[in-house]
């Protein structure tokens, strides 16, 4: 499906064991929901998306979320909705809840 193969490991969950661990396995159907999990090296889940079988995933959105998380781990800056690398980020502060719109209105 990808020229040269995919640049990351993939796995198969034939028996649904991983699906059960993440509570996305449908034992009545014997299938696992389409799930995407962003997990840091410490095992903490930072993002999760579950879709039923008829709904396809969006690889571009998954990549955007991974890039946003990687940016945060390097810079500590938060990414607003629809953020892409190189765009303005948000400096985390306890003074900002409810006030972020003022920064973005200036753009």
PDB file of N, CA and C in Angstrom:
ATOM      1  N   UNK A   1       0.803  -1.204   0.000  1.00  0.00           N
ATOM      2  CA  UNK A   1       0.000   0.000   0.000  1.00  0.00           C
ATOM      3  C   UNK A   1       0.847   1.270   0.000  1.00  0.00           C
ATOM      4  N   UNK A   2       2.080   1.186   0.528  1.00  0.00           N
ATOM      5  CA  UNK A   2       2.965   2.343   0.584  1.00  0.00           C
ATOM      6  C   UNK A   2       4.271   1.958  -0.090  1.00  0.00           C
ATOM      7  N   UNK A   3       4.727   2.790  -1.043  1.00  0.00           N
ATOM      8  CA  UNK A   3       5.994   2.500  -1.713  1.00  0.00           C
ATOM      9  C   UNK A   3       7.110   2.341  -0.692  1.00  0.00           C
ATOM     10  N   UNK A   4       7.829   1.241  -0.750  1.00  0.00           N
ATOM     11  CA  UNK A   4       8.929   0.996   0.177  1.00  0.00           C
ATOM     12  C   UNK A   4       8.483   0.491   1.538  1.00  0.00           C
ATOM     13  N   UNK A   5       7.182   0.299   1.728  1.00  0.00           N
ATOM     14  CA  UNK A   5       6.677  -0.182   3.016  1.00  0.00           C
ATOM     15  C   UNK A   5       6.468   0.959   4.004  1.00  0.00           C
ATOM     16  N   UNK A   6       5.819   0.640   5.085  1.00  0.00           N
ATOM     17  CA  UNK A   6       5.563   1.669   6.092  1.00  0.00           C
ATOM     18  C   UNK A   6       6.780   1.820   7.003  1.00  0.00           C
ATOM     19  N   UNK A   7       7.054   3.040   7.463  1.00  0.00           N
ATOM     20  CA  UNK A   7       8.270   3.277   8.246  1.00  0.00           C
ATOM     21  C   UNK A   7       8.101   3.050   9.754  1.00  0.00           C
ATOM     22  N   UNK A   8       7.155   2.212  10.133  1.00  0.00           N
ATOM     23  CA  UNK A   8       6.937   1.928  11.549  1.00  0.00           C
ATOM     24  C   UNK A   8       6.364   0.529  11.688  1.00  0.00           C
ATOM     25  N   UNK A   9       6.512  -0.081  12.858  1.00  0.00           N
ATOM     26  CA  UNK A   9       5.992  -1.439  13.040  1.00  0.00           C
ATOM     27  C   UNK A   9       4.472  -1.452  13.151  1.00  0.00           C
ATOM     28  N   UNK A  10       3.869  -2.502  12.666  1.00  0.00           N
ATOM     29  CA  UNK A  10       2.427  -2.712  12.818  1.00  0.00           C
ATOM     30  C   UNK A  10       2.225  -4.098  13.421  1.00  0.00           C
ATOM     31  N   UNK A  11       1.092  -4.294  14.028  1.00  0.00           N
ATOM     32  CA  UNK A  11       0.819  -5.595  14.611  1.00  0.00           C
ATOM     33  C   UNK A  11      -0.599  -6.020  14.298  1.00  0.00           C
ATOM     34  N   UNK A  12      -0.847  -7.269  14.519  1.00  0.00           N
ATOM     35  CA  UNK A  12      -2.177  -7.831  14.326  1.00  0.00           C
ATOM     36  C   UNK A  12      -2.661  -8.355  15.674  1.00  0.00           C
ATOM     37  N   UNK A  13      -3.939  -8.208  15.928  1.00  0.00           N
ATOM     38  CA  UNK A  13      -4.526  -8.629  17.202  1.00  0.00           C
ATOM     39  C   UNK A  13      -5.530  -9.747  16.935  1.00  0.00           C
ATOM     40  N   UNK A  14      -5.024 -10.850  16.395  1.00  0.00           N
ATOM     41  CA  UNK A  14      -5.887 -11.955  15.970  1.00  0.00           C
ATOM     42  C   UNK A  14      -6.866 -12.437  17.031  1.00  0.00           C
ATOM     43  N   UNK A  15      -6.442 -12.524  18.270  1.00  0.00           N
ATOM     44  CA  UNK A  15      -7.295 -13.060  19.335  1.00  0.00           C
ATOM     45  C   UNK A  15      -8.022 -11.985  20.134  1.00  0.00           C
ATOM     46  N   UNK A  16      -7.795 -10.715  19.783  1.00  0.00           N
ATOM     47  CA  UNK A  16      -8.480  -9.620  20.478  1.00  0.00           C
ATOM     48  C   UNK A  16      -7.893  -9.291  21.840  1.00  0.00           C
ATOM     49  N   UNK A  17      -6.719  -9.812  22.140  1.00  0.00           N
ATOM     50  CA  UNK A  17      -6.130  -9.573  23.467  1.00  0.00           C
ATOM     51  C   UNK A  17      -5.812  -8.095  23.705  1.00  0.00           C
ATOM     52  N   UNK A  18      -5.244  -7.441  22.703  1.00  0.00           N
ATOM     53  CA  UNK A  18      -4.916  -6.018  22.861  1.00  0.00           C
ATOM     54  C   UNK A  18      -6.203  -5.200  22.909  1.00  0.00           C
ATOM     55  N   UNK A  19      -7.166  -5.545  22.073  1.00  0.00           N
ATOM     56  CA  UNK A  19      -8.456  -4.865  22.092  1.00  0.00           C
ATOM     57  C   UNK A  19      -9.134  -4.960  23.448  1.00  0.00           C
ATOM     58  N   UNK A  20      -9.011  -6.095  24.091  1.00  0.00           N
ATOM     59  CA  UNK A  20      -9.581  -6.252  25.431  1.00  0.00           C
ATOM     60  C   UNK A  20      -8.852  -5.365  26.440  1.00  0.00           C
ATOM     61  N   UNK A  21      -7.519  -5.267  26.307  1.00  0.00           N
ATOM     62  CA  UNK A  21      -6.744  -4.432  27.237  1.00  0.00           C
ATOM     63  C   UNK A  21      -7.180  -2.968  27.162  1.00  0.00           C
ATOM     64  N   UNK A  22      -7.550  -2.509  25.977  1.00  0.00           N
ATOM     65  CA  UNK A  22      -7.961  -1.121  25.797  1.00  0.00           C
ATOM     66  C   UNK A  22      -9.484  -0.969  25.770  1.00  0.00           C
ATOM     67  N   UNK A  23     -10.175  -2.056  26.083  1.00  0.00           N
ATOM     68  CA  UNK A  23     -11.644  -2.061  26.172  1.00  0.00           C
ATOM     69  C   UNK A  23     -12.313  -1.620  24.874  1.00  0.00           C
ATOM     70  N   UNK A  24     -11.777  -2.098  23.745  1.00  0.00           N
ATOM     71  CA  UNK A  24     -12.359  -1.780  22.442  1.00  0.00           C
ATOM     72  C   UNK A  24     -12.744  -3.050  21.676  1.00  0.00           C
ATOM     73  N   UNK A  25     -12.703  -4.181  22.353  1.00  0.00           N
ATOM     74  CA  UNK A  25     -13.028  -5.456  21.710  1.00  0.00           C
ATOM     75  C   UNK A  25     -14.512  -5.747  21.871  1.00  0.00           C
ATOM     76  N   UNK A  26     -15.183  -6.056  20.771  1.00  0.00           N
ATOM     77  CA  UNK A  26     -16.599  -6.424  20.775  1.00  0.00           C
ATOM     78  C   UNK A  26     -16.667  -7.943  20.729  1.00  0.00           C
ATOM     79  N   UNK A  27     -16.844  -8.560  21.887  1.00  0.00           N
ATOM     80  CA  UNK A  27     -16.827 -10.026  21.955  1.00  0.00           C
ATOM     81  C   UNK A  27     -18.011 -10.648  21.217  1.00  0.00           C
ATOM     82  N   UNK A  28     -19.147  -9.959  21.124  1.00  0.00           N
ATOM     83  CA  UNK A  28     -20.306 -10.500  20.411  1.00  0.00           C
ATOM     84  C   UNK A  28     -20.007 -10.658  18.922  1.00  0.00           C
ATOM     85  N   UNK A  29     -19.257  -9.717  18.360  1.00  0.00           N
ATOM     86  CA  UNK A  29     -18.918  -9.759  16.938  1.00  0.00           C
ATOM     87  C   UNK A  29     -17.564 -10.400  16.686  1.00  0.00           C
ATOM     88  N   UNK A  30     -16.752 -10.507  17.745  1.00  0.00           N
ATOM     89  CA  UNK A  30     -15.410 -11.047  17.579  1.00  0.00           C
ATOM     90  C   UNK A  30     -14.486 -10.091  16.837  1.00  0.00           C
ATOM     91  N   UNK A  31     -14.761  -8.796  16.969  1.00  0.00           N
ATOM     92  CA  UNK A  31     -13.943  -7.785  16.289  1.00  0.00           C
ATOM     93  C   UNK A  31     -13.542  -6.678  17.269  1.00  0.00           C
ATOM     94  N   UNK A  32     -12.571  -5.919  16.851  1.00  0.00           N
ATOM     95  CA  UNK A  32     -12.109  -4.782  17.635  1.00  0.00           C
ATOM     96  C   UNK A  32     -12.509  -3.508  16.908  1.00  0.00           C
ATOM     97  N   UNK A  33     -12.964  -2.520  17.673  1.00  0.00           N
ATOM     98  CA  UNK A  33     -13.259  -1.219  17.072  1.00  0.00           C
ATOM     99  C   UNK A  33     -11.976  -0.635  16.509  1.00  0.00           C
ATOM    100  N   UNK A  34     -12.126   0.218  15.519  1.00  0.00           N
ATOM    101  CA  UNK A  34     -10.955   0.892  14.964  1.00  0.00           C
ATOM    102  C   UNK A  34     -10.491   1.913  15.990  1.00  0.00           C
ATOM    103  N   UNK A  35      -9.352   1.678  16.571  1.00  0.00           N
ATOM    104  CA  UNK A  35      -8.852   2.566  17.613  1.00  0.00           C
ATOM    105  C   UNK A  35      -7.470   3.069  17.292  1.00  0.00           C
ATOM    106  N   UNK A  36      -7.241   4.327  17.613  1.00  0.00           N
ATOM    107  CA  UNK A  36      -5.919   4.930  17.496  1.00  0.00           C
ATOM    108  C   UNK A  36      -5.590   5.510  18.860  1.00  0.00           C
ATOM    109  N   UNK A  37      -4.418   5.172  19.370  1.00  0.00           N
ATOM    110  CA  UNK A  37      -3.994   5.640  20.679  1.00  0.00           C
ATOM    111  C   UNK A  37      -2.628   6.299  20.555  1.00  0.00           C
ATOM    112  N   UNK A  38      -2.483   7.482  21.136  1.00  0.00           N
ATOM    113  CA  UNK A  38      -1.182   8.136  21.201  1.00  0.00           C
ATOM    114  C   UNK A  38      -0.670   7.892  22.613  1.00  0.00           C
ATOM    115  N   UNK A  39       0.397   7.106  22.703  1.00  0.00           N
ATOM    116  CA  UNK A  39       0.927   6.674  23.997  1.00  0.00           C
ATOM    117  C   UNK A  39       2.380   7.126  24.100  1.00  0.00           C
ATOM    118  N   UNK A  40       2.703   7.801  25.200  1.00  0.00           N
ATOM    119  CA  UNK A  40       4.078   8.273  25.363  1.00  0.00           C
ATOM    120  C   UNK A  40       4.984   7.134  25.839  1.00  0.00           C
ATOM    121  N   UNK A  41       6.293   7.366  25.864  1.00  0.00           N
ATOM    122  CA  UNK A  41       7.225   6.301  26.266  1.00  0.00           C
ATOM    123  C   UNK A  41       6.988   5.765  27.685  1.00  0.00           C
ATOM    124  N   UNK A  42       6.286   6.544  28.520  1.00  0.00           N
ATOM    125  CA  UNK A  42       5.981   6.091  29.881  1.00  0.00           C
ATOM    126  C   UNK A  42       4.673   5.304  29.957  1.00  0.00           C
ATOM    127  N   UNK A  43       4.021   5.112  28.807  1.00  0.00           N
ATOM    128  CA  UNK A  43       2.776   4.348  28.774  1.00  0.00           C
ATOM    129  C   UNK A  43       1.526   5.179  29.035  1.00  0.00           C
ATOM    130  N   UNK A  44       1.655   6.496  29.125  1.00  0.00           N
ATOM    131  CA  UNK A  44       0.510   7.374  29.365  1.00  0.00           C
ATOM    132  C   UNK A  44      -0.196   7.668  28.045  1.00  0.00           C
ATOM    133  N   UNK A  45      -1.505   7.483  28.021  1.00  0.00           N
ATOM    134  CA  UNK A  45      -2.296   7.747  26.808  1.00  0.00           C
ATOM    135  C   UNK A  45      -2.594   9.247  26.738  1.00  0.00           C
ATOM    136  N   UNK A  46      -2.197   9.883  25.637  1.00  0.00           N
ATOM    137  CA  UNK A  46      -2.423  11.309  25.436  1.00  0.00           C
ATOM    138  C   UNK A  46      -3.515  11.584  24.414  1.00  0.00           C
ATOM    139  N   UNK A  47      -3.851  10.623  23.621  1.00  0.00           N
ATOM    140  CA  UNK A  47      -4.890  10.803  22.628  1.00  0.00           C
ATOM    141  C   UNK A  47      -5.514   9.452  22.304  1.00  0.00           C
ATOM    142  N   UNK A  48      -6.801   9.485  22.011  1.00  0.00           N
ATOM    143  CA  UNK A  48      -7.491   8.247  21.702  1.00  0.00           C
ATOM    144  C   UNK A  48      -8.665   8.564  20.777  1.00  0.00           C
ATOM    145  N   UNK A  49      -8.836   7.754  19.761  1.00  0.00           N
ATOM    146  CA  UNK A  49      -9.978   7.904  18.863  1.00  0.00           C
ATOM    147  C   UNK A  49     -10.516   6.507  18.573  1.00  0.00           C
ATOM    148  N   UNK A  50     -11.810   6.339  18.746  1.00  0.00           N
ATOM    149  CA  UNK A  50     -12.457   5.063  18.435  1.00  0.00           C
ATOM    150  C   UNK A  50     -13.509   5.279  17.368  1.00  0.00           C
ATOM    151  N   UNK A  51     -13.491   4.420  16.370  1.00  0.00           N
ATOM    152  CA  UNK A  51     -14.454   4.503  15.280  1.00  0.00           C
ATOM    153  C   UNK A  51     -15.087   3.136  15.072  1.00  0.00           C
ATOM    154  N   UNK A  52     -16.364   3.126  14.739  1.00  0.00           N
ATOM    155  CA  UNK A  52     -17.001   1.857  14.428  1.00  0.00           C
ATOM    156  C   UNK A  52     -16.531   1.378  13.055  1.00  0.00           C
ATOM    157  N   UNK A  53     -16.779   0.133  12.763  1.00  0.00           N
ATOM    158  CA  UNK A  53     -16.258  -0.510  11.557  1.00  0.00           C
ATOM    159  C   UNK A  53     -16.541   0.251  10.261  1.00  0.00           C
ATOM    160  N   UNK A  54     -17.740   0.828  10.063  1.00  0.00           N
ATOM    161  CA  UNK A  54     -17.983   1.481   8.774  1.00  0.00           C
ATOM    162  C   UNK A  54     -17.263   2.814   8.564  1.00  0.00           C
ATOM    163  N   UNK A  55     -16.649   3.361   9.614  1.00  0.00           N
ATOM    164  CA  UNK A  55     -16.044   4.687   9.504  1.00  0.00           C
ATOM    165  C   UNK A  55     -14.537   4.551   9.350  1.00  0.00           C
ATOM    166  N   UNK A  56     -14.006   5.116   8.288  1.00  0.00           N
ATOM    167  CA  UNK A  56     -12.565   5.064   8.041  1.00  0.00           C
ATOM    168  C   UNK A  56     -11.816   6.128   8.824  1.00  0.00           C
ATOM    169  N   UNK A  57     -10.553   5.853   9.064  1.00  0.00           N
ATOM    170  CA  UNK A  57      -9.696   6.802   9.777  1.00  0.00           C
ATOM    171  C   UNK A  57      -9.100   7.815   8.811  1.00  0.00           C
ATOM    172  N   UNK A  58      -8.578   8.898   9.373  1.00  0.00           N
ATOM    173  CA  UNK A  58      -7.940   9.945   8.579  1.00  0.00           C
ATOM    174  C   UNK A  58      -6.458   9.989   8.954  1.00  0.00           C
ATOM    175  N   UNK A  59      -5.599   9.391   8.136  1.00  0.00           N
ATOM    176  CA  UNK A  59      -4.175   9.369   8.467  1.00  0.00           C
ATOM    177  C   UNK A  59      -3.577  10.761   8.648  1.00  0.00           C
ATOM    178  N   UNK A  60      -4.053  11.741   7.891  1.00  0.00           N
ATOM    179  CA  UNK A  60      -3.534  13.099   8.026  1.00  0.00           C
ATOM    180  C   UNK A  60      -3.819  13.654   9.420  1.00  0.00           C
ATOM    181  N   UNK A  61      -5.000  13.374   9.956  1.00  0.00           N
ATOM    182  CA  UNK A  61      -5.350  13.868  11.291  1.00  0.00           C
ATOM    183  C   UNK A  61      -4.539  13.150  12.361  1.00  0.00           C
ATOM    184  N   UNK A  62      -4.336  11.856  12.194  1.00  0.00           N
ATOM    185  CA  UNK A  62      -3.514  11.111  13.153  1.00  0.00           C
ATOM    186  C   UNK A  62      -2.095  11.676  13.153  1.00  0.00           C
ATOM    187  N   UNK A  63      -1.543  11.946  11.990  1.00  0.00           N
ATOM    188  CA  UNK A  63      -0.204  12.515  11.877  1.00  0.00           C
ATOM    189  C   UNK A  63      -0.161  13.902  12.519  1.00  0.00           C
ATOM    190  N   UNK A  64      -1.182  14.721  12.293  1.00  0.00           N
ATOM    191  CA  UNK A  64      -1.240  16.059  12.887  1.00  0.00           C
ATOM    192  C   UNK A  64      -1.231  15.965  14.413  1.00  0.00           C
ATOM    193  N   UNK A  65      -1.989  15.030  14.960  1.00  0.00           N
ATOM    194  CA  UNK A  65      -2.027  14.857  16.412  1.00  0.00           C
ATOM    195  C   UNK A  65      -0.673  14.410  16.951  1.00  0.00           C
ATOM    196  N   UNK A  66      -0.019  13.490  16.255  1.00  0.00           N
ATOM    197  CA  UNK A  66       1.315  13.050  16.673  1.00  0.00           C
ATOM    198  C   UNK A  66       2.304  14.210  16.639  1.00  0.00           C
ATOM    199  N   UNK A  67       2.250  15.020  15.585  1.00  0.00           N
ATOM    200  CA  UNK A  67       3.149  16.174  15.474  1.00  0.00           C
ATOM    201  C   UNK A  67       2.883  17.179  16.588  1.00  0.00           C
ATOM    202  N   UNK A  68       1.617  17.388  16.928  1.00  0.00           N
ATOM    203  CA  UNK A  68       1.272  18.309  18.007  1.00  0.00           C
ATOM    204  C   UNK A  68       1.818  17.797  19.338  1.00  0.00           C
ATOM    205  N   UNK A  69       1.685  16.501  19.580  1.00  0.00           N
ATOM    206  CA  UNK A  69       2.203  15.941  20.824  1.00  0.00           C
ATOM    207  C   UNK A  69       3.723  16.014  20.860  1.00  0.00           C
ATOM    208  N   UNK A  70       4.373  15.702  19.752  1.00  0.00           N
ATOM    209  CA  UNK A  70       5.834  15.792  19.703  1.00  0.00           C
ATOM    210  C   UNK A  70       6.290  17.228  19.923  1.00  0.00           C
ATOM    211  N   UNK A  71       5.587  18.179  19.331  1.00  0.00           N
ATOM    212  CA  UNK A  71       5.932  19.588  19.537  1.00  0.00           C
ATOM    213  C   UNK A  71       5.821  19.946  21.019  1.00  0.00           C
ATOM    214  N   UNK A  72       4.766  19.484  21.656  1.00  0.00           N
ATOM    215  CA  UNK A  72       4.564  19.765  23.080  1.00  0.00           C
ATOM    216  C   UNK A  72       5.685  19.162  23.926  1.00  0.00           C
ATOM    217  N   UNK A  73       6.089  17.927  23.627  1.00  0.00           N
ATOM    218  CA  UNK A  73       7.130  17.294  24.434  1.00  0.00           C
ATOM    219  C   UNK A  73       8.463  18.018  24.300  1.00  0.00           C
ATOM    220  N   UNK A  74       8.695  18.656  23.172  1.00  0.00           N
ATOM    221  CA  UNK A  74       9.951  19.387  22.960  1.00  0.00           C
ATOM    222  C   UNK A  74       9.869  20.806  23.535  1.00  0.00           C
ATOM    223  N   UNK A  75       8.755  21.506  23.283  1.00  0.00           N
ATOM    224  CA  UNK A  75       8.664  22.933  23.605  1.00  0.00           C
ATOM    225  C   UNK A  75       7.821  23.246  24.837  1.00  0.00           C
ATOM    226  N   UNK A  76       6.912  22.349  25.205  1.00  0.00           N
ATOM    227  CA  UNK A  76       5.972  22.634  26.285  1.00  0.00           C
ATOM    228  C   UNK A  76       4.825  23.525  25.848  1.00  0.00           C
ATOM    229  N   UNK A  77       4.770  23.833  24.546  1.00  0.00           N
ATOM    230  CA  UNK A  77       3.719  24.705  24.015  1.00  0.00           C
ATOM    231  C   UNK A  77       2.522  23.871  23.572  1.00  0.00           C
ATOM    232  N   UNK A  78       1.337  24.385  23.830  1.00  0.00           N
ATOM    233  CA  UNK A  78       0.097  23.705  23.472  1.00  0.00           C
ATOM    234  C   UNK A  78      -0.299  24.056  22.041  1.00  0.00           C
ATOM    235  N   UNK A  79      -0.988  23.147  21.386  1.00  0.00           N
ATOM    236  CA  UNK A  79      -1.445  23.410  20.018  1.00  0.00           C
ATOM    237  C   UNK A  79      -2.958  23.599  20.006  1.00  0.00           C
ATOM    238  N   UNK A  80      -3.425  24.662  19.366  1.00  0.00           N
ATOM    239  CA  UNK A  80      -4.870  24.868  19.241  1.00  0.00           C
ATOM    240  C   UNK A  80      -5.467  23.911  18.210  1.00  0.00           C
ATOM    241  N   UNK A  81      -6.780  23.926  18.085  1.00  0.00           N
ATOM    242  CA  UNK A  81      -7.431  23.046  17.115  1.00  0.00           C
ATOM    243  C   UNK A  81      -6.926  23.361  15.707  1.00  0.00           C
ATOM    244  N   UNK A  82      -6.826  22.342  14.899  1.00  0.00           N
ATOM    245  CA  UNK A  82      -6.368  22.430  13.513  1.00  0.00           C
ATOM    246  C   UNK A  82      -4.932  22.924  13.368  1.00  0.00           C
ATOM    247  N   UNK A  83      -4.151  22.903  14.450  1.00  0.00           N
ATOM    248  CA  UNK A  83      -2.764  23.332  14.411  1.00  0.00           C
ATOM    249  C   UNK A  83      -1.949  22.429  13.510  1.00  0.00           C
ATOM    250  N   UNK A  84      -0.985  23.020  12.799  1.00  0.00           N
ATOM    251  CA  UNK A  84      -0.013  22.276  12.005  1.00  0.00           C
ATOM    252  C   UNK A  84       1.376  22.820  12.320  1.00  0.00           C
ATOM    253  N   UNK A  85       2.417  22.012  12.155  1.00  0.00           N
ATOM    254  CA  UNK A  85       3.773  22.466  12.452  1.00  0.00           C
ATOM    255  C   UNK A  85       4.079  23.805  11.780  1.00  0.00           C
ATOM    256  N   UNK A  86       4.702  24.694  12.562  1.00  0.00           N
ATOM    257  CA  UNK A  86       5.065  26.014  12.063  1.00  0.00           C
ATOM    258  C   UNK A  86       4.045  27.089  12.401  1.00  0.00           C
ATOM    259  N   UNK A  87       2.845  26.682  12.805  1.00  0.00           N
ATOM    260  CA  UNK A  87       1.823  27.664  13.150  1.00  0.00           C
ATOM    261  C   UNK A  87       1.960  28.072  14.619  1.00  0.00           C
ATOM    262  N   UNK A  88       1.276  29.141  14.977  1.00  0.00           N
ATOM    263  CA  UNK A  88       1.327  29.686  16.332  1.00  0.00           C
ATOM    264  C   UNK A  88       0.822  28.660  17.344  1.00  0.00           C
ATOM    265  N   UNK A  89       1.494  28.611  18.486  1.00  0.00           N
ATOM    266  CA  UNK A  89       1.096  27.726  19.578  1.00  0.00           C
ATOM    267  C   UNK A  89       0.699  28.567  20.787  1.00  0.00           C
ATOM    268  N   UNK A  90       0.372  27.896  21.863  1.00  0.00           N
ATOM    269  CA  UNK A  90      -0.083  28.569  23.077  1.00  0.00           C
ATOM    270  C   UNK A  90       0.880  28.224  24.206  1.00  0.00           C
ATOM    271  N   UNK A  91       1.329  29.238  24.933  1.00  0.00           N
ATOM    272  CA  UNK A  91       2.154  29.008  26.108  1.00  0.00           C
ATOM    273  C   UNK A  91       1.206  28.712  27.269  1.00  0.00           C
ATOM    274  N   UNK A  92       1.404  27.574  27.901  1.00  0.00           N
ATOM    275  CA  UNK A  92       0.523  27.148  28.982  1.00  0.00           C
ATOM    276  C   UNK A  92       0.651  28.085  30.179  1.00  0.00           C
ATOM    277  N   UNK A  93      -0.495  28.490  30.739  1.00  0.00           N
ATOM    278  CA  UNK A  93      -0.509  29.381  31.896  1.00  0.00           C
ATOM    279  C   UNK A  93      -1.837  29.245  32.619  1.00  0.00           C
ATOM    280  N   UNK A  94      -1.813  29.306  33.934  1.00  0.00           N
ATOM    281  CA  UNK A  94      -3.066  29.221  34.690  1.00  0.00           C
ATOM    282  C   UNK A  94      -3.905  30.486  34.510  1.00  0.00           C
ATOM    283  N   UNK A  95      -3.318  31.543  33.950  1.00  0.00           N
ATOM    284  CA  UNK A  95      -4.045  32.791  33.710  1.00  0.00           C
ATOM    285  C   UNK A  95      -4.819  32.782  32.403  1.00  0.00           C
ATOM    286  N   UNK A  96      -4.646  31.754  31.587  1.00  0.00           N
ATOM    287  CA  UNK A  96      -5.201  31.781  30.229  1.00  0.00           C
ATOM    288  C   UNK A  96      -6.612  31.206  30.052  1.00  0.00           C
ATOM    289  N   UNK A  97      -7.099  30.307  30.911  1.00  0.00           N
ATOM    290  CA  UNK A  97      -8.440  29.771  30.638  1.00  0.00           C
ATOM    291  C   UNK A  97      -9.462  30.895  30.456  1.00  0.00           C
ATOM    292  N   UNK A  98     -10.206  30.818  29.394  1.00  0.00           N
ATOM    293  CA  UNK A  98     -11.219  31.824  29.089  1.00  0.00           C
ATOM    294  C   UNK A  98     -10.667  33.087  28.443  1.00  0.00           C
ATOM    295  N   UNK A  99      -9.355  33.180  28.298  1.00  0.00           N
ATOM    296  CA  UNK A  99      -8.735  34.388  27.761  1.00  0.00           C
ATOM    297  C   UNK A  99      -7.974  34.140  26.459  1.00  0.00           C
ATOM    298  N   UNK A 100      -7.865  32.891  26.026  1.00  0.00           N
ATOM    299  CA  UNK A 100      -7.098  32.547  24.823  1.00  0.00           C
ATOM    300  C   UNK A 100      -7.612  33.314  23.604  1.00  0.00           C
ATOM    301  N   UNK A 101      -8.902  33.534  23.512  1.00  0.00           N
ATOM    302  CA  UNK A 101      -9.478  34.210  22.348  1.00  0.00           C
ATOM    303  C   UNK A 101      -8.839  35.574  22.108  1.00  0.00           C
ATOM    304  N   UNK A 102      -8.373  36.237  23.180  1.00  0.00           N
ATOM    305  CA  UNK A 102      -7.757  37.561  23.025  1.00  0.00           C
ATOM    306  C   UNK A 102      -6.467  37.459  22.218  1.00  0.00           C
ATOM    307  N   UNK A 103      -5.663  36.411  22.473  1.00  0.00           N
ATOM    308  CA  UNK A 103      -4.435  36.216  21.711  1.00  0.00           C
ATOM    309  C   UNK A 103      -4.739  35.915  20.258  1.00  0.00           C
ATOM    310  N   UNK A 104      -5.724  35.078  20.006  1.00  0.00           N
ATOM    311  CA  UNK A 104      -6.015  34.642  18.646  1.00  0.00           C
ATOM    312  C   UNK A 104      -6.751  35.691  17.848  1.00  0.00           C
ATOM    313  N   UNK A 105      -7.449  36.610  18.537  1.00  0.00           N
ATOM    314  CA  UNK A 105      -8.160  37.686  17.854  1.00  0.00           C
ATOM    315  C   UNK A 105      -7.178  38.646  17.181  1.00  0.00           C
ATOM    316  N   UNK A 106      -5.973  38.743  17.716  1.00  0.00           N
ATOM    317  CA  UNK A 106      -4.967  39.648  17.182  1.00  0.00           C
ATOM    318  C   UNK A 106      -4.361  39.176  15.875  1.00  0.00           C
ATOM    319  N   UNK A 107      -4.587  37.953  15.490  1.00  0.00           N
ATOM    320  CA  UNK A 107      -3.977  37.417  14.263  1.00  0.00           C
ATOM    321  C   UNK A 107      -4.670  37.928  13.033  1.00  0.00           C
TER     322      UNK A 107
END
